[in-house]
Amino acid sequence: MSESSSRDPGLQGERTALSWSRTCLALAVNGLLALRNGWVTGAVPLTVTGVLLLLVASAFVVYGNLRGRALAGSGRHHDSVPLAAPAVPLGLLALSTLVACGVGIASVLIDR
């Protein structure tokens, strides 16, 4: 029996989907806070950034679910689906998270 046929994926797909969901929840919360603060203070850039963060979070929820399903899908997923996530979605998620953190800080510091 080869090493690839004895590999047990376990709950890797479920853990992957959950980790993407948690990160997207943080993005969505920051987006909602920015949207609310931008709306209340009349700061249009903050409102637009909040809407964009909500859209990005929604897109990454979909991607995370697809990625989790692909990993958990078939017993042979290690042959067709790479275990490491592609660099582009991870980079975009990291950049979005960084922007969300900056927007969160900016929304606290905007004219009170």
PDB file of N, CA and C in Angstrom:
ATOM      1  N   MET A   1       0.854  -1.180   0.000  1.00  0.00           N
ATOM      2  CA  MET A   1       0.000   0.000   0.000  1.00  0.00           C
ATOM      3  C   MET A   1       0.894   1.234   0.000  1.00  0.00           C
ATOM      4  N   SER A   2       0.685   2.119  -0.938  1.00  0.00           N
ATOM      5  CA  SER A   2       1.522   3.316  -1.013  1.00  0.00           C
ATOM      6  C   SER A   2       1.084   4.333   0.032  1.00  0.00           C
ATOM      7  N   GLU A   3       1.966   5.288   0.275  1.00  0.00           N
ATOM      8  CA  GLU A   3       1.678   6.304   1.275  1.00  0.00           C
ATOM      9  C   GLU A   3       0.492   7.171   0.869  1.00  0.00           C
ATOM     10  N   SER A   4       0.342   7.456  -0.430  1.00  0.00           N
ATOM     11  CA  SER A   4      -0.758   8.313  -0.871  1.00  0.00           C
ATOM     12  C   SER A   4      -2.118   7.635  -0.729  1.00  0.00           C
ATOM     13  N   SER A   5      -2.175   6.310  -0.852  1.00  0.00           N
ATOM     14  CA  SER A   5      -3.465   5.646  -0.732  1.00  0.00           C
ATOM     15  C   SER A   5      -3.859   5.426   0.728  1.00  0.00           C
ATOM     16  N   SER A   6      -2.904   5.505   1.668  1.00  0.00           N
ATOM     17  CA  SER A   6      -3.229   5.309   3.078  1.00  0.00           C
ATOM     18  C   SER A   6      -3.481   6.626   3.804  1.00  0.00           C
ATOM     19  N   ARG A   7      -3.406   7.721   3.093  1.00  0.00           N
ATOM     20  CA  ARG A   7      -3.584   9.032   3.710  1.00  0.00           C
ATOM     21  C   ARG A   7      -5.041   9.230   4.110  1.00  0.00           C
ATOM     22  N   ASP A   8      -5.258   9.626   5.351  1.00  0.00           N
ATOM     23  CA  ASP A   8      -6.605   9.896   5.853  1.00  0.00           C
ATOM     24  C   ASP A   8      -6.780  11.406   5.970  1.00  0.00           C
ATOM     25  N   PRO A   9      -7.664  12.014   5.160  1.00  0.00           N
ATOM     26  CA  PRO A   9      -7.808  13.466   5.205  1.00  0.00           C
ATOM     27  C   PRO A   9      -8.473  13.956   6.482  1.00  0.00           C
ATOM     28  N   GLY A  10      -9.177  13.090   7.194  1.00  0.00           N
ATOM     29  CA  GLY A  10      -9.821  13.514   8.438  1.00  0.00           C
ATOM     30  C   GLY A  10     -10.794  14.649   8.208  1.00  0.00           C
ATOM     31  N   LEU A  11     -10.696  15.658   9.042  1.00  0.00           N
ATOM     32  CA  LEU A  11     -11.607  16.794   8.965  1.00  0.00           C
ATOM     33  C   LEU A  11     -10.945  18.026   8.361  1.00  0.00           C
ATOM     34  N   GLN A  12      -9.922  17.806   7.547  1.00  0.00           N
ATOM     35  CA  GLN A  12      -9.186  18.926   6.975  1.00  0.00           C
ATOM     36  C   GLN A  12     -10.097  19.864   6.191  1.00  0.00           C
ATOM     37  N   GLY A  13     -10.983  19.335   5.391  1.00  0.00           N
ATOM     38  CA  GLY A  13     -11.892  20.188   4.618  1.00  0.00           C
ATOM     39  C   GLY A  13     -12.790  21.026   5.504  1.00  0.00           C
ATOM     40  N   GLU A  14     -13.308  20.412   6.559  1.00  0.00           N
ATOM     41  CA  GLU A  14     -14.177  21.145   7.485  1.00  0.00           C
ATOM     42  C   GLU A  14     -13.400  22.233   8.219  1.00  0.00           C
ATOM     43  N   ARG A  15     -12.194  21.917   8.660  1.00  0.00           N
ATOM     44  CA  ARG A  15     -11.361  22.911   9.350  1.00  0.00           C
ATOM     45  C   ARG A  15     -10.999  24.056   8.409  1.00  0.00           C
ATOM     46  N   THR A  16     -10.738  23.732   7.159  1.00  0.00           N
ATOM     47  CA  THR A  16     -10.406  24.768   6.181  1.00  0.00           C
ATOM     48  C   THR A  16     -11.585  25.713   5.983  1.00  0.00           C
ATOM     49  N   ALA A  17     -12.757  25.163   5.791  1.00  0.00           N
ATOM     50  CA  ALA A  17     -13.948  26.000   5.599  1.00  0.00           C
ATOM     51  C   ALA A  17     -14.217  26.853   6.838  1.00  0.00           C
ATOM     52  N   LEU A  18     -14.037  26.281   8.019  1.00  0.00           N
ATOM     53  CA  LEU A  18     -14.265  27.043   9.248  1.00  0.00           C
ATOM     54  C   LEU A  18     -13.258  28.170   9.410  1.00  0.00           C
ATOM     55  N   SER A  19     -12.000  27.925   9.066  1.00  0.00           N
ATOM     56  CA  SER A  19     -11.005  28.985   9.216  1.00  0.00           C
ATOM     57  C   SER A  19     -11.272  30.120   8.229  1.00  0.00           C
ATOM     58  N   TRP A  20     -11.678  29.798   7.009  1.00  0.00           N
ATOM     59  CA  TRP A  20     -12.042  30.848   6.062  1.00  0.00           C
ATOM     60  C   TRP A  20     -13.263  31.614   6.571  1.00  0.00           C
ATOM     61  N   SER A  21     -14.223  30.891   7.146  1.00  0.00           N
ATOM     62  CA  SER A  21     -15.430  31.554   7.657  1.00  0.00           C
ATOM     63  C   SER A  21     -15.116  32.493   8.811  1.00  0.00           C
ATOM     64  N   ARG A  22     -14.240  32.082   9.712  1.00  0.00           N
ATOM     65  CA  ARG A  22     -13.869  32.944  10.842  1.00  0.00           C
ATOM     66  C   ARG A  22     -13.182  34.211  10.358  1.00  0.00           C
ATOM     67  N   THR A  23     -12.287  34.072   9.419  1.00  0.00           N
ATOM     68  CA  THR A  23     -11.590  35.247   8.889  1.00  0.00           C
ATOM     69  C   THR A  23     -12.573  36.169   8.178  1.00  0.00           C
ATOM     70  N   CYS A  24     -13.489  35.594   7.423  1.00  0.00           N
ATOM     71  CA  CYS A  24     -14.478  36.400   6.717  1.00  0.00           C
ATOM     72  C   CYS A  24     -15.456  37.068   7.673  1.00  0.00           C
ATOM     73  N   LEU A  25     -15.748  36.424   8.779  1.00  0.00           N
ATOM     74  CA  LEU A  25     -16.603  37.044   9.783  1.00  0.00           C
ATOM     75  C   LEU A  25     -15.923  38.286  10.350  1.00  0.00           C
ATOM     76  N   ALA A  26     -14.627  38.185  10.608  1.00  0.00           N
ATOM     77  CA  ALA A  26     -13.888  39.357  11.102  1.00  0.00           C
ATOM     78  C   ALA A  26     -13.909  40.481  10.064  1.00  0.00           C
ATOM     79  N   LEU A  27     -13.741  40.131   8.785  1.00  0.00           N
ATOM     80  CA  LEU A  27     -13.821  41.141   7.723  1.00  0.00           C
ATOM     81  C   LEU A  27     -15.211  41.778   7.671  1.00  0.00           C
ATOM     82  N   ALA A  28     -16.234  40.962   7.787  1.00  0.00           N
ATOM     83  CA  ALA A  28     -17.601  41.469   7.715  1.00  0.00           C
ATOM     84  C   ALA A  28     -17.921  42.387   8.890  1.00  0.00           C
ATOM     85  N   VAL A  29     -17.461  42.020  10.078  1.00  0.00           N
ATOM     86  CA  VAL A  29     -17.709  42.868  11.251  1.00  0.00           C
ATOM     87  C   VAL A  29     -17.021  44.214  11.076  1.00  0.00           C
ATOM     88  N   ASN A  30     -15.768  44.205  10.612  1.00  0.00           N
ATOM     89  CA  ASN A  30     -15.080  45.471  10.360  1.00  0.00           C
ATOM     90  C   ASN A  30     -15.781  46.268   9.272  1.00  0.00           C
ATOM     91  N   GLY A  31     -16.271  45.572   8.250  1.00  0.00           N
ATOM     92  CA  GLY A  31     -17.011  46.254   7.195  1.00  0.00           C
ATOM     93  C   GLY A  31     -18.290  46.899   7.710  1.00  0.00           C
ATOM     94  N   LEU A  32     -19.010  46.179   8.564  1.00  0.00           N
ATOM     95  CA  LEU A  32     -20.241  46.738   9.151  1.00  0.00           C
ATOM     96  C   LEU A  32     -19.952  47.936  10.038  1.00  0.00           C
ATOM     97  N   LEU A  33     -18.895  47.825  10.846  1.00  0.00           N
ATOM     98  CA  LEU A  33     -18.530  48.953  11.706  1.00  0.00           C
ATOM     99  C   LEU A  33     -18.123  50.169  10.884  1.00  0.00           C
ATOM    100  N   ALA A  34     -17.343  49.935   9.824  1.00  0.00           N
ATOM    101  CA  ALA A  34     -16.937  51.046   8.961  1.00  0.00           C
ATOM    102  C   ALA A  34     -18.147  51.645   8.253  1.00  0.00           C
ATOM    103  N   LEU A  35     -19.036  50.797   7.776  1.00  0.00           N
ATOM    104  CA  LEU A  35     -20.242  51.271   7.097  1.00  0.00           C
ATOM    105  C   LEU A  35     -21.099  52.118   8.031  1.00  0.00           C
ATOM    106  N   ARG A  36     -21.295  51.632   9.233  1.00  0.00           N
ATOM    107  CA  ARG A  36     -22.104  52.369  10.209  1.00  0.00           C
ATOM    108  C   ARG A  36     -21.468  53.702  10.573  1.00  0.00           C
ATOM    109  N   ASN A  37     -20.171  53.670  10.873  1.00  0.00           N
ATOM    110  CA  ASN A  37     -19.492  54.898  11.263  1.00  0.00           C
ATOM    111  C   ASN A  37     -19.429  55.889  10.108  1.00  0.00           C
ATOM    112  N   GLY A  38     -19.189  55.389   8.902  1.00  0.00           N
ATOM    113  CA  GLY A  38     -19.176  56.270   7.740  1.00  0.00           C
ATOM    114  C   GLY A  38     -20.538  56.875   7.476  1.00  0.00           C
ATOM    115  N   TRP A  39     -21.584  56.084   7.687  1.00  0.00           N
ATOM    116  CA  TRP A  39     -22.951  56.563   7.479  1.00  0.00           C
ATOM    117  C   TRP A  39     -23.316  57.633   8.507  1.00  0.00           C
ATOM    118  N   VAL A  40     -22.966  57.382   9.770  1.00  0.00           N
ATOM    119  CA  VAL A  40     -23.316  58.314  10.850  1.00  0.00           C
ATOM    120  C   VAL A  40     -22.545  59.627  10.732  1.00  0.00           C
ATOM    121  N   THR A  41     -21.255  59.537  10.418  1.00  0.00           N
ATOM    122  CA  THR A  41     -20.429  60.745  10.354  1.00  0.00           C
ATOM    123  C   THR A  41     -20.456  61.408   8.984  1.00  0.00           C
ATOM    124  N   GLY A  42     -21.010  60.742   7.989  1.00  0.00           N
ATOM    125  CA  GLY A  42     -21.050  61.311   6.648  1.00  0.00           C
ATOM    126  C   GLY A  42     -19.743  61.169   5.895  1.00  0.00           C
ATOM    127  N   ALA A  43     -18.870  60.291   6.360  1.00  0.00           N
ATOM    128  CA  ALA A  43     -17.585  60.067   5.699  1.00  0.00           C
ATOM    129  C   ALA A  43     -17.797  59.075   4.549  1.00  0.00           C
ATOM    130  N   VAL A  44     -17.893  59.592   3.338  1.00  0.00           N
ATOM    131  CA  VAL A  44     -18.180  58.758   2.172  1.00  0.00           C
ATOM    132  C   VAL A  44     -17.087  57.710   1.934  1.00  0.00           C
ATOM    133  N   PRO A  45     -15.793  58.063   2.029  1.00  0.00           N
ATOM    134  CA  PRO A  45     -14.775  57.024   1.807  1.00  0.00           C
ATOM    135  C   PRO A  45     -14.889  55.855   2.790  1.00  0.00           C
ATOM    136  N   LEU A  46     -15.227  56.156   4.012  1.00  0.00           N
ATOM    137  CA  LEU A  46     -15.384  55.104   5.014  1.00  0.00           C
ATOM    138  C   LEU A  46     -16.605  54.235   4.702  1.00  0.00           C
ATOM    139  N   THR A  47     -17.673  54.857   4.240  1.00  0.00           N
ATOM    140  CA  THR A  47     -18.872  54.107   3.856  1.00  0.00           C
ATOM    141  C   THR A  47     -18.578  53.193   2.666  1.00  0.00           C
ATOM    142  N   VAL A  48     -17.899  53.725   1.671  1.00  0.00           N
ATOM    143  CA  VAL A  48     -17.561  52.929   0.483  1.00  0.00           C
ATOM    144  C   VAL A  48     -16.643  51.775   0.862  1.00  0.00           C
ATOM    145  N   THR A  49     -15.661  52.040   1.720  1.00  0.00           N
ATOM    146  CA  THR A  49     -14.746  50.986   2.159  1.00  0.00           C
ATOM    147  C   THR A  49     -15.500  49.909   2.929  1.00  0.00           C
ATOM    148  N   GLY A  50     -16.457  50.301   3.742  1.00  0.00           N
ATOM    149  CA  GLY A  50     -17.267  49.324   4.469  1.00  0.00           C
ATOM    150  C   GLY A  50     -18.046  48.422   3.535  1.00  0.00           C
ATOM    151  N   VAL A  51     -18.636  49.008   2.503  1.00  0.00           N
ATOM    152  CA  VAL A  51     -19.376  48.210   1.517  1.00  0.00           C
ATOM    153  C   VAL A  51     -18.435  47.258   0.788  1.00  0.00           C
ATOM    154  N   LEU A  52     -17.265  47.761   0.400  1.00  0.00           N
ATOM    155  CA  LEU A  52     -16.290  46.908  -0.294  1.00  0.00           C
ATOM    156  C   LEU A  52     -15.822  45.756   0.602  1.00  0.00           C
ATOM    157  N   LEU A  53     -15.596  46.036   1.888  1.00  0.00           N
ATOM    158  CA  LEU A  53     -15.196  44.966   2.802  1.00  0.00           C
ATOM    159  C   LEU A  53     -16.289  43.912   2.931  1.00  0.00           C
ATOM    160  N   LEU A  54     -17.530  44.327   2.951  1.00  0.00           N
ATOM    161  CA  LEU A  54     -18.627  43.359   3.016  1.00  0.00           C
ATOM    162  C   LEU A  54     -18.682  42.502   1.750  1.00  0.00           C
ATOM    163  N   LEU A  55     -18.461  43.109   0.605  1.00  0.00           N
ATOM    164  CA  LEU A  55     -18.455  42.350  -0.645  1.00  0.00           C
ATOM    165  C   LEU A  55     -17.279  41.368  -0.696  1.00  0.00           C
ATOM    166  N   VAL A  56     -16.116  41.817  -0.264  1.00  0.00           N
ATOM    167  CA  VAL A  56     -14.935  40.945  -0.239  1.00  0.00           C
ATOM    168  C   VAL A  56     -15.152  39.788   0.725  1.00  0.00           C
ATOM    169  N   ALA A  57     -15.710  40.084   1.892  1.00  0.00           N
ATOM    170  CA  ALA A  57     -15.982  39.025   2.871  1.00  0.00           C
ATOM    171  C   ALA A  57     -16.952  38.000   2.290  1.00  0.00           C
ATOM    172  N   SER A  58     -17.964  38.457   1.575  1.00  0.00           N
ATOM    173  CA  SER A  58     -18.921  37.535   0.961  1.00  0.00           C
ATOM    174  C   SER A  58     -18.244  36.651  -0.087  1.00  0.00           C
ATOM    175  N   ALA A  59     -17.386  37.253  -0.890  1.00  0.00           N
ATOM    176  CA  ALA A  59     -16.678  36.478  -1.914  1.00  0.00           C
ATOM    177  C   ALA A  59     -15.775  35.432  -1.283  1.00  0.00           C
ATOM    178  N   PHE A  60     -15.108  35.786  -0.191  1.00  0.00           N
ATOM    179  CA  PHE A  60     -14.219  34.826   0.453  1.00  0.00           C
ATOM    180  C   PHE A  60     -14.975  33.741   1.218  1.00  0.00           C
ATOM    181  N   VAL A  61     -16.173  34.029   1.669  1.00  0.00           N
ATOM    182  CA  VAL A  61     -16.998  32.971   2.271  1.00  0.00           C
ATOM    183  C   VAL A  61     -17.303  31.912   1.217  1.00  0.00           C
ATOM    184  N   VAL A  62     -17.672  32.361   0.034  1.00  0.00           N
ATOM    185  CA  VAL A  62     -17.956  31.427  -1.059  1.00  0.00           C
ATOM    186  C   VAL A  62     -16.699  30.634  -1.409  1.00  0.00           C
ATOM    187  N   TYR A  63     -15.559  31.328  -1.552  1.00  0.00           N
ATOM    188  CA  TYR A  63     -14.314  30.643  -1.892  1.00  0.00           C
ATOM    189  C   TYR A  63     -13.922  29.642  -0.802  1.00  0.00           C
ATOM    190  N   GLY A  64     -14.045  30.035   0.454  1.00  0.00           N
ATOM    191  CA  GLY A  64     -13.690  29.137   1.553  1.00  0.00           C
ATOM    192  C   GLY A  64     -14.546  27.885   1.574  1.00  0.00           C
ATOM    193  N   ASN A  65     -15.839  28.051   1.311  1.00  0.00           N
ATOM    194  CA  ASN A  65     -16.719  26.884   1.259  1.00  0.00           C
ATOM    195  C   ASN A  65     -16.378  25.968   0.093  1.00  0.00           C
ATOM    196  N   LEU A  66     -16.079  26.553  -1.057  1.00  0.00           N
ATOM    197  CA  LEU A  66     -15.680  25.745  -2.213  1.00  0.00           C
ATOM    198  C   LEU A  66     -14.371  25.017  -1.943  1.00  0.00           C
ATOM    199  N   ARG A  67     -13.431  25.697  -1.316  1.00  0.00           N
ATOM    200  CA  ARG A  67     -12.140  25.091  -1.001  1.00  0.00           C
ATOM    201  C   ARG A  67     -12.320  23.953   0.007  1.00  0.00           C
ATOM    202  N   GLY A  68     -13.124  24.169   1.032  1.00  0.00           N
ATOM    203  CA  GLY A  68     -13.384  23.119   2.013  1.00  0.00           C
ATOM    204  C   GLY A  68     -14.061  21.912   1.400  1.00  0.00           C
ATOM    205  N   ARG A  69     -15.027  22.160   0.514  1.00  0.00           N
ATOM    206  CA  ARG A  69     -15.703  21.045  -0.155  1.00  0.00           C
ATOM    207  C   ARG A  69     -14.760  20.280  -1.066  1.00  0.00           C
ATOM    208  N   ALA A  70     -13.868  21.016  -1.739  1.00  0.00           N
ATOM    209  CA  ALA A  70     -12.913  20.352  -2.622  1.00  0.00           C
ATOM    210  C   ALA A  70     -11.972  19.458  -1.823  1.00  0.00           C
ATOM    211  N   LEU A  71     -11.548  19.908  -0.648  1.00  0.00           N
ATOM    212  CA  LEU A  71     -10.648  19.109   0.182  1.00  0.00           C
ATOM    213  C   LEU A  71     -11.371  17.918   0.792  1.00  0.00           C
ATOM    214  N   ALA A  72     -12.644  18.100   1.132  1.00  0.00           N
ATOM    215  CA  ALA A  72     -13.382  17.018   1.779  1.00  0.00           C
ATOM    216  C   ALA A  72     -14.127  16.141   0.784  1.00  0.00           C
ATOM    217  N   GLY A  73     -14.199  16.583  -0.449  1.00  0.00           N
ATOM    218  CA  GLY A  73     -15.031  15.937  -1.462  1.00  0.00           C
ATOM    219  C   GLY A  73     -14.826  14.460  -1.654  1.00  0.00           C
ATOM    220  N   SER A  74     -13.777  14.077  -2.322  1.00  0.00           N
ATOM    221  CA  SER A  74     -13.589  12.667  -2.628  1.00  0.00           C
ATOM    222  C   SER A  74     -12.471  12.087  -1.782  1.00  0.00           C
ATOM    223  N   GLY A  75     -12.437  10.814  -1.701  1.00  0.00           N
ATOM    224  CA  GLY A  75     -11.365  10.144  -0.969  1.00  0.00           C
ATOM    225  C   GLY A  75     -10.030  10.300  -1.672  1.00  0.00           C
ATOM    226  N   ARG A  76     -10.066  10.692  -2.945  1.00  0.00           N
ATOM    227  CA  ARG A  76      -8.842  10.843  -3.723  1.00  0.00           C
ATOM    228  C   ARG A  76      -8.461  12.300  -3.890  1.00  0.00           C
ATOM    229  N   HIS A  77      -8.935  13.184  -3.026  1.00  0.00           N
ATOM    230  CA  HIS A  77      -8.734  14.603  -3.259  1.00  0.00           C
ATOM    231  C   HIS A  77      -7.271  15.006  -3.275  1.00  0.00           C
ATOM    232  N   HIS A  78      -6.395  14.250  -2.654  1.00  0.00           N
ATOM    233  CA  HIS A  78      -4.994  14.636  -2.634  1.00  0.00           C
ATOM    234  C   HIS A  78      -4.337  14.473  -4.001  1.00  0.00           C
ATOM    235  N   ASP A  79      -4.971  13.743  -4.893  1.00  0.00           N
ATOM    236  CA  ASP A  79      -4.436  13.607  -6.243  1.00  0.00           C
ATOM    237  C   ASP A  79      -4.854  14.774  -7.127  1.00  0.00           C
ATOM    238  N   SER A  80      -6.044  15.329  -6.895  1.00  0.00           N
ATOM    239  CA  SER A  80      -6.565  16.350  -7.798  1.00  0.00           C
ATOM    240  C   SER A  80      -6.598  17.749  -7.199  1.00  0.00           C
ATOM    241  N   VAL A  81      -6.618  17.876  -5.883  1.00  0.00           N
ATOM    242  CA  VAL A  81      -6.707  19.177  -5.234  1.00  0.00           C
ATOM    243  C   VAL A  81      -5.444  19.398  -4.418  1.00  0.00           C
ATOM    244  N   PRO A  82      -4.710  20.473  -4.694  1.00  0.00           N
ATOM    245  CA  PRO A  82      -3.512  20.716  -3.890  1.00  0.00           C
ATOM    246  C   PRO A  82      -3.888  21.008  -2.441  1.00  0.00           C
ATOM    247  N   LEU A  83      -3.092  20.491  -1.520  1.00  0.00           N
ATOM    248  CA  LEU A  83      -3.380  20.704  -0.106  1.00  0.00           C
ATOM    249  C   LEU A  83      -3.168  22.151   0.296  1.00  0.00           C
ATOM    250  N   ALA A  84      -2.118  22.761  -0.214  1.00  0.00           N
ATOM    251  CA  ALA A  84      -1.865  24.168   0.105  1.00  0.00           C
ATOM    252  C   ALA A  84      -2.796  25.038  -0.738  1.00  0.00           C
ATOM    253  N   ALA A  85      -3.371  26.034  -0.111  1.00  0.00           N
ATOM    254  CA  ALA A  85      -4.254  26.941  -0.839  1.00  0.00           C
ATOM    255  C   ALA A  85      -3.440  27.749  -1.843  1.00  0.00           C
ATOM    256  N   PRO A  86      -4.023  28.090  -2.977  1.00  0.00           N
ATOM    257  CA  PRO A  86      -3.315  28.904  -3.963  1.00  0.00           C
ATOM    258  C   PRO A  86      -2.898  30.248  -3.369  1.00  0.00           C
ATOM    259  N   ALA A  87      -1.777  30.764  -3.821  1.00  0.00           N
ATOM    260  CA  ALA A  87      -1.193  31.979  -3.247  1.00  0.00           C
ATOM    261  C   ALA A  87      -2.050  33.221  -3.489  1.00  0.00           C
ATOM    262  N   VAL A  88      -2.703  33.320  -4.625  1.00  0.00           N
ATOM    263  CA  VAL A  88      -3.464  34.536  -4.938  1.00  0.00           C
ATOM    264  C   VAL A  88      -4.629  34.748  -3.966  1.00  0.00           C
ATOM    265  N   PRO A  89      -5.493  33.751  -3.720  1.00  0.00           N
ATOM    266  CA  PRO A  89      -6.570  33.981  -2.747  1.00  0.00           C
ATOM    267  C   PRO A  89      -6.039  34.266  -1.341  1.00  0.00           C
ATOM    268  N   LEU A  90      -4.972  33.583  -0.951  1.00  0.00           N
ATOM    269  CA  LEU A  90      -4.408  33.844   0.377  1.00  0.00           C
ATOM    270  C   LEU A  90      -3.850  35.254   0.473  1.00  0.00           C
ATOM    271  N   GLY A  91      -3.184  35.702  -0.577  1.00  0.00           N
ATOM    272  CA  GLY A  91      -2.653  37.065  -0.586  1.00  0.00           C
ATOM    273  C   GLY A  91      -3.755  38.112  -0.550  1.00  0.00           C
ATOM    274  N   LEU A  92      -4.808  37.877  -1.329  1.00  0.00           N
ATOM    275  CA  LEU A  92      -5.941  38.810  -1.326  1.00  0.00           C
ATOM    276  C   LEU A  92      -6.637  38.836   0.034  1.00  0.00           C
ATOM    277  N   LEU A  93      -6.758  37.673   0.661  1.00  0.00           N
ATOM    278  CA  LEU A  93      -7.384  37.634   1.977  1.00  0.00           C
ATOM    279  C   LEU A  93      -6.520  38.356   3.004  1.00  0.00           C
ATOM    280  N   ALA A  94      -5.211  38.165   2.930  1.00  0.00           N
ATOM    281  CA  ALA A  94      -4.310  38.864   3.851  1.00  0.00           C
ATOM    282  C   ALA A  94      -4.385  40.374   3.644  1.00  0.00           C
ATOM    283  N   LEU A  95      -4.400  40.814   2.396  1.00  0.00           N
ATOM    284  CA  LEU A  95      -4.508  42.235   2.098  1.00  0.00           C
ATOM    285  C   LEU A  95      -5.846  42.790   2.583  1.00  0.00           C
ATOM    286  N   SER A  96      -6.925  42.047   2.359  1.00  0.00           N
ATOM    287  CA  SER A  96      -8.249  42.481   2.819  1.00  0.00           C
ATOM    288  C   SER A  96      -8.301  42.583   4.331  1.00  0.00           C
ATOM    289  N   THR A  97      -7.674  41.641   5.011  1.00  0.00           N
ATOM    290  CA  THR A  97      -7.638  41.677   6.471  1.00  0.00           C
ATOM    291  C   THR A  97      -6.851  42.888   6.959  1.00  0.00           C
ATOM    292  N   LEU A  98      -5.746  43.191   6.300  1.00  0.00           N
ATOM    293  CA  LEU A  98      -4.955  44.362   6.658  1.00  0.00           C
ATOM    294  C   LEU A  98      -5.749  45.645   6.447  1.00  0.00           C
ATOM    295  N   VAL A  99      -6.466  45.731   5.328  1.00  0.00           N
ATOM    296  CA  VAL A  99      -7.308  46.893   5.065  1.00  0.00           C
ATOM    297  C   VAL A  99      -8.409  46.993   6.115  1.00  0.00           C
ATOM    298  N   ALA A 100      -9.004  45.855   6.476  1.00  0.00           N
ATOM    299  CA  ALA A 100     -10.069  45.862   7.482  1.00  0.00           C
ATOM    300  C   ALA A 100      -9.540  46.372   8.820  1.00  0.00           C
ATOM    301  N   CYS A 101      -8.341  45.969   9.181  1.00  0.00           N
ATOM    302  CA  CYS A 101      -7.752  46.454  10.432  1.00  0.00           C
ATOM    303  C   CYS A 101      -7.537  47.963  10.368  1.00  0.00           C
ATOM    304  N   GLY A 102      -7.017  48.441   9.239  1.00  0.00           N
ATOM    305  CA  GLY A 102      -6.811  49.880   9.082  1.00  0.00           C
ATOM    306  C   GLY A 102      -8.114  50.650   9.111  1.00  0.00           C
ATOM    307  N   VAL A 103      -9.128  50.104   8.467  1.00  0.00           N
ATOM    308  CA  VAL A 103     -10.443  50.761   8.462  1.00  0.00           C
ATOM    309  C   VAL A 103     -11.047  50.756   9.867  1.00  0.00           C
ATOM    310  N   GLY A 104     -10.864  49.646  10.582  1.00  0.00           N
ATOM    311  CA  GLY A 104     -11.363  49.590  11.956  1.00  0.00           C
ATOM    312  C   GLY A 104     -10.728  50.668  12.830  1.00  0.00           C
ATOM    313  N   ILE A 105      -9.440  50.838  12.687  1.00  0.00           N
ATOM    314  CA  ILE A 105      -8.736  51.873  13.460  1.00  0.00           C
ATOM    315  C   ILE A 105      -9.192  53.263  13.005  1.00  0.00           C
ATOM    316  N   ALA A 106      -9.299  53.456  11.691  1.00  0.00           N
ATOM    317  CA  ALA A 106      -9.729  54.749  11.178  1.00  0.00           C
ATOM    318  C   ALA A 106     -11.137  55.091  11.616  1.00  0.00           C
ATOM    319  N   SER A 107     -12.010  54.093  11.674  1.00  0.00           N
ATOM    320  CA  SER A 107     -13.398  54.370  12.071  1.00  0.00           C
ATOM    321  C   SER A 107     -13.495  54.799  13.528  1.00  0.00           C
ATOM    322  N   VAL A 108     -12.556  54.359  14.352  1.00  0.00           N
ATOM    323  CA  VAL A 108     -12.539  54.787  15.751  1.00  0.00           C
ATOM    324  C   VAL A 108     -11.997  56.197  15.865  1.00  0.00           C
ATOM    325  N   LEU A 109     -11.037  56.537  15.006  1.00  0.00           N
ATOM    326  CA  LEU A 109     -10.371  57.841  15.111  1.00  0.00           C
ATOM    327  C   LEU A 109     -11.041  58.958  14.335  1.00  0.00           C
ATOM    328  N   ILE A 110     -12.028  58.628  13.488  1.00  0.00           N
ATOM    329  CA  ILE A 110     -12.731  59.671  12.704  1.00  0.00           C
ATOM    330  C   ILE A 110     -13.484  60.580  13.665  1.00  0.00           C
ATOM    331  N   ASP A 111     -13.637  61.809  13.274  1.00  0.00           N
ATOM    332  CA  ASP A 111     -14.279  62.862  14.086  1.00  0.00           C
ATOM    333  C   ASP A 111     -15.311  62.338  15.065  1.00  0.00           C
ATOM    334  N   ARG A 112     -14.972  62.389  16.271  1.00  0.00           N
ATOM    335  CA  ARG A 112     -15.894  61.976  17.337  1.00  0.00           C
ATOM    336  C   ARG A 112     -16.529  63.174  17.937  1.00  0.00           C
TER     337      ARG A 112
END
